[in-house]
Amino acid sequence: MNEDNKTFIETSDVAAIAPSGDVLQAAQSIVVSDAAGEEKAASFLGVVKAIQKKIEAKRKEYVEPLNAVVTKINAEAKSAALPFVQAESAIKKRLADYATEMDRKRDEEHAARNAEQVRLLKEAAVAPIEKQTAIASRIDAVVAAPLPQTTKGVSADTGSVSYRMVWKWDVVKDAEIPREYLAIDNAKVTAAVRSGIRSIPGINIYEEKTVAVR
């Protein structure tokens, strides 16, 4: 048995089922082919489970006081950080809304400019020769006019901000989602089987023998 394990395991407990100290080897040496072998395996298993319970009890004895401290520290840190997390979210939304609005205005102006250019070209196509130069000048003016500025970000004394487009998604018609993007709710199926349901389309419900130790 590893020396480090002696913190959790009594040597006498191990010796009761594995004199050599190798519990796994002792378990693998047990042959269950008759009632005597079954009884020996059950006895061995009972000791193994008892040792596991002792280890778990000792583990809790050591970690529960530490966990209580960690839980307290985490809760206090989360409480302290909360207004700053909320402030970050609020400011990010305002910045994103501002950048989105600037993009909208630029796109809107760009569309209006294109529409005006098309209108002037159509006008030029039917206008008399003497008006062609004036219309051409108006077209040049439309093309040359500056578009509203957008923002790519800003640098301040304490930090900088940049923007990027991120693809996101929402479910609009769940019945049309391809199967490869769906997942079985294991907990729900297990609960249904345990409640007595024995037939679910597409699922094989069966019994399997397991070993319980008391």
Protein backbone atom coordinates (compact mmCIF):
# COMPACT_ATOMS: atom_id res chain seq x y z
CA MET A 1 0.00 0.00 0.00
CA ASN A 2 1.29 3.47 -0.87
CA GLU A 3 2.58 5.34 2.19
CA ASP A 4 0.51 8.39 1.22
CA ASN A 5 -2.65 6.29 1.42
CA LYS A 6 -2.14 5.55 5.12
CA THR A 7 -3.77 8.91 5.87
CA PHE A 8 -7.04 7.39 4.68
CA ILE A 9 -6.63 3.62 5.00
CA GLU A 10 -5.97 1.42 8.01
CA THR A 11 -3.35 -1.24 7.25
CA SER A 12 -5.34 -3.80 9.20
CA ASP A 13 -8.40 -3.21 7.02
CA VAL A 14 -6.42 -3.91 3.87
CA ALA A 15 -4.71 -6.94 5.38
CA ALA A 16 -8.10 -8.51 6.04
CA ILE A 17 -8.76 -8.91 2.31
CA ALA A 18 -5.31 -8.48 0.72
CA PRO A 19 -2.40 -9.70 2.88
CA SER A 20 0.05 -8.58 0.19
CA GLY A 21 -1.41 -5.08 0.23
CA ASP A 22 -2.49 -5.26 -3.42
CA VAL A 23 -6.29 -5.01 -3.25
CA LEU A 24 -6.84 -5.09 -7.00
CA GLN A 25 -4.74 -8.23 -7.39
CA ALA A 26 -6.66 -9.87 -4.57
CA ALA A 27 -9.96 -8.96 -6.24
CA GLN A 28 -8.83 -10.33 -9.59
CA SER A 29 -7.80 -13.61 -7.96
CA ILE A 30 -11.33 -14.34 -6.77
CA VAL A 31 -13.17 -16.83 -8.96
CA VAL A 32 -16.97 -16.82 -8.88
CA SER A 33 -18.09 -20.14 -10.30
CA ASP A 34 -20.10 -21.63 -7.46
CA ALA A 35 -21.91 -20.67 -4.26
CA ALA A 36 -18.70 -20.68 -2.22
CA GLY A 37 -17.03 -18.34 -4.69
CA GLU A 38 -20.10 -16.11 -4.67
CA GLU A 39 -20.02 -15.91 -0.87
CA LYS A 40 -16.29 -15.14 -0.86
CA ALA A 41 -16.78 -12.40 -3.44
CA ALA A 42 -19.67 -10.93 -1.45
CA SER A 43 -17.56 -10.91 1.73
CA PHE A 44 -14.67 -9.26 -0.11
CA LEU A 45 -17.01 -6.70 -1.63
CA GLY A 46 -18.49 -5.87 1.76
CA VAL A 47 -15.04 -5.06 3.14
CA VAL A 48 -14.15 -3.03 0.06
CA LYS A 49 -17.30 -0.92 0.41
CA ALA A 50 -16.70 -0.43 4.13
CA ILE A 51 -13.16 0.83 3.43
CA GLN A 52 -14.50 3.15 0.74
CA LYS A 53 -16.94 4.62 3.28
CA LYS A 54 -14.11 5.16 5.77
CA ILE A 55 -12.02 6.90 3.09
CA GLU A 56 -14.93 9.13 2.14
CA ALA A 57 -15.60 9.99 5.78
CA LYS A 58 -11.94 10.90 6.31
CA ARG A 59 -11.91 12.95 3.10
CA LYS A 60 -14.94 14.92 4.29
CA GLU A 61 -13.31 15.42 7.67
CA TYR A 62 -10.36 17.12 5.95
CA VAL A 63 -12.07 19.04 3.15
CA GLU A 64 -15.38 20.22 4.62
CA PRO A 65 -13.80 22.94 6.81
CA LEU A 66 -11.72 24.04 3.80
CA ASN A 67 -14.73 23.94 1.50
CA ALA A 68 -16.65 26.10 3.95
CA VAL A 69 -13.89 28.71 3.81
CA VAL A 70 -13.68 28.51 0.02
CA THR A 71 -17.46 28.83 -0.29
CA LYS A 72 -17.45 31.89 1.97
CA ILE A 73 -14.60 33.53 0.05
CA ASN A 74 -16.24 32.80 -3.32
CA ALA A 75 -19.58 34.21 -2.14
CA GLU A 76 -17.98 37.39 -0.80
CA ALA A 77 -15.90 37.87 -3.96
CA LYS A 78 -18.97 37.29 -6.17
CA SER A 79 -20.97 39.81 -4.15
CA ALA A 80 -18.18 42.37 -4.35
CA ALA A 81 -17.79 41.87 -8.11
CA LEU A 82 -21.52 41.93 -8.94
CA PRO A 83 -21.98 45.70 -9.44
CA PHE A 84 -18.86 45.83 -11.61
CA VAL A 85 -20.05 42.88 -13.72
CA GLN A 86 -23.42 44.59 -14.13
CA ALA A 87 -21.72 47.90 -14.97
CA GLU A 88 -19.59 46.18 -17.62
CA SER A 89 -22.68 44.62 -19.19
CA ALA A 90 -24.55 47.95 -19.20
CA ILE A 91 -21.69 49.89 -20.80
CA LYS A 92 -21.01 47.18 -23.39
CA LYS A 93 -24.66 47.29 -24.44
CA ARG A 94 -24.53 51.07 -24.84
CA LEU A 95 -21.36 50.84 -26.90
CA ALA A 96 -22.77 48.06 -29.08
CA ASP A 97 -26.02 50.01 -29.60
CA TYR A 98 -24.01 53.12 -30.57
CA ALA A 99 -21.84 51.22 -33.06
CA THR A 100 -24.88 49.45 -34.52
CA GLU A 101 -26.70 52.77 -34.98
CA MET A 102 -23.70 54.29 -36.73
CA ASP A 103 -23.56 51.31 -39.08
CA ARG A 104 -27.31 51.67 -39.74
CA LYS A 105 -26.98 55.34 -40.62
CA ARG A 106 -24.07 54.64 -42.96
CA ASP A 107 -25.94 51.79 -44.70
CA GLU A 108 -29.05 53.95 -44.99
CA GLU A 109 -27.10 56.83 -46.53
CA HIS A 110 -25.26 54.47 -48.87
CA ALA A 111 -28.56 53.02 -50.12
CA ALA A 112 -30.03 56.51 -50.59
CA ARG A 113 -26.93 57.60 -52.52
CA ASN A 114 -27.13 54.58 -54.83
CA ALA A 115 -30.83 55.23 -55.45
CA GLU A 116 -30.12 58.89 -56.29
CA GLN A 117 -27.30 57.92 -58.65
CA VAL A 118 -29.59 55.47 -60.47
CA ARG A 119 -32.29 58.15 -60.69
CA LEU A 120 -29.87 60.69 -62.16
CA LEU A 121 -28.54 58.19 -64.69
CA LYS A 122 -32.08 57.49 -65.84
CA GLU A 123 -32.71 61.23 -66.03
CA ALA A 124 -29.54 61.71 -68.07
CA ALA A 125 -30.58 58.97 -70.48
CA VAL A 126 -33.60 60.99 -71.64
CA ALA A 127 -32.35 64.54 -71.02
CA PRO A 128 -31.39 66.89 -73.86
CA ILE A 129 -27.70 67.23 -74.68
CA GLU A 130 -27.49 70.69 -73.13
CA LYS A 131 -28.49 69.26 -69.73
CA GLN A 132 -26.09 66.30 -69.77
CA THR A 133 -23.19 68.24 -68.27
CA ALA A 134 -25.27 69.54 -65.37
CA ILE A 135 -26.63 66.07 -64.61
CA ALA A 136 -23.13 64.59 -64.79
CA SER A 137 -21.97 67.17 -62.24
CA ARG A 138 -24.82 66.22 -59.93
CA ILE A 139 -23.87 62.54 -60.25
CA ASP A 140 -20.23 63.38 -59.42
CA ALA A 141 -21.39 65.33 -56.38
CA VAL A 142 -23.48 62.39 -55.15
CA VAL A 143 -20.56 60.00 -55.58
CA ALA A 144 -18.08 62.36 -53.92
CA ALA A 145 -20.22 63.18 -50.90
CA PRO A 146 -18.72 61.64 -47.73
CA LEU A 147 -20.64 58.85 -46.04
CA PRO A 148 -21.40 59.05 -42.31
CA GLN A 149 -18.53 57.68 -40.26
CA THR A 150 -18.70 54.33 -38.45
CA THR A 151 -16.59 53.39 -35.44
CA LYS A 152 -13.98 50.66 -35.23
CA GLY A 153 -13.28 51.39 -31.59
CA VAL A 154 -11.62 53.91 -29.35
CA SER A 155 -8.64 54.14 -27.02
CA ALA A 156 -8.97 55.82 -23.64
CA ASP A 157 -6.53 56.46 -20.81
CA THR A 158 -7.55 53.31 -18.90
CA GLY A 159 -8.41 50.93 -21.72
CA SER A 160 -9.52 50.47 -25.30
CA VAL A 161 -12.65 49.25 -27.04
CA SER A 162 -12.97 47.47 -30.38
CA TYR A 163 -15.91 45.93 -32.20
CA ARG A 164 -16.33 42.67 -34.06
CA MET A 165 -19.21 40.77 -35.57
CA VAL A 166 -20.14 37.49 -33.87
CA TRP A 167 -22.52 34.89 -35.28
CA LYS A 168 -25.30 33.92 -32.86
CA TRP A 169 -28.54 31.97 -33.16
CA ASP A 170 -32.08 31.59 -31.84
CA VAL A 171 -34.56 28.74 -32.23
CA VAL A 172 -37.51 29.81 -34.40
CA LYS A 173 -39.04 26.44 -35.40
CA ASP A 174 -37.78 23.59 -33.26
CA ALA A 175 -39.65 20.98 -35.33
CA GLU A 176 -37.45 21.83 -38.33
CA ILE A 177 -34.09 21.51 -36.56
CA PRO A 178 -32.01 18.64 -38.09
CA ARG A 179 -31.49 15.63 -35.83
CA GLU A 180 -27.71 16.10 -35.70
CA TYR A 181 -28.26 19.28 -33.68
CA LEU A 182 -30.53 17.60 -31.13
CA ALA A 183 -29.54 15.74 -27.95
CA ILE A 184 -31.32 13.14 -25.85
CA ASP A 185 -32.36 14.34 -22.40
CA ASN A 186 -30.75 11.48 -20.47
CA ALA A 187 -32.17 12.55 -17.12
CA LYS A 188 -35.70 12.72 -18.51
CA VAL A 189 -35.47 9.29 -20.17
CA THR A 190 -34.00 7.74 -17.01
CA ALA A 191 -36.77 9.25 -14.89
CA ALA A 192 -39.39 7.92 -17.30
CA VAL A 193 -37.95 4.38 -17.20
CA ARG A 194 -37.73 4.44 -13.41
CA SER A 195 -41.35 5.57 -13.22
CA GLY A 196 -42.41 2.44 -15.09
CA ILE A 197 -42.51 3.47 -18.75
CA ARG A 198 -41.35 0.53 -20.85
CA SER A 199 -41.85 1.77 -24.39
CA ILE A 200 -40.37 4.89 -25.94
CA PRO A 201 -40.13 5.08 -29.77
CA GLY A 202 -36.52 4.81 -30.90
CA ILE A 203 -35.23 3.68 -27.48
CA ASN A 204 -34.50 0.12 -26.34
CA ILE A 205 -35.53 -0.29 -22.71
CA TYR A 206 -34.08 -3.39 -21.06
CA GLU A 207 -33.10 -4.89 -17.71
CA GLU A 208 -29.50 -5.47 -16.71
CA LYS A 209 -28.35 -7.23 -13.56
CA THR A 210 -26.26 -5.10 -11.26
CA VAL A 211 -24.70 -5.74 -7.85
CA ALA A 212 -25.90 -3.95 -4.74
CA VAL A 213 -23.82 -3.99 -1.54
CA ARG A 214 -25.30 -3.50 1.94
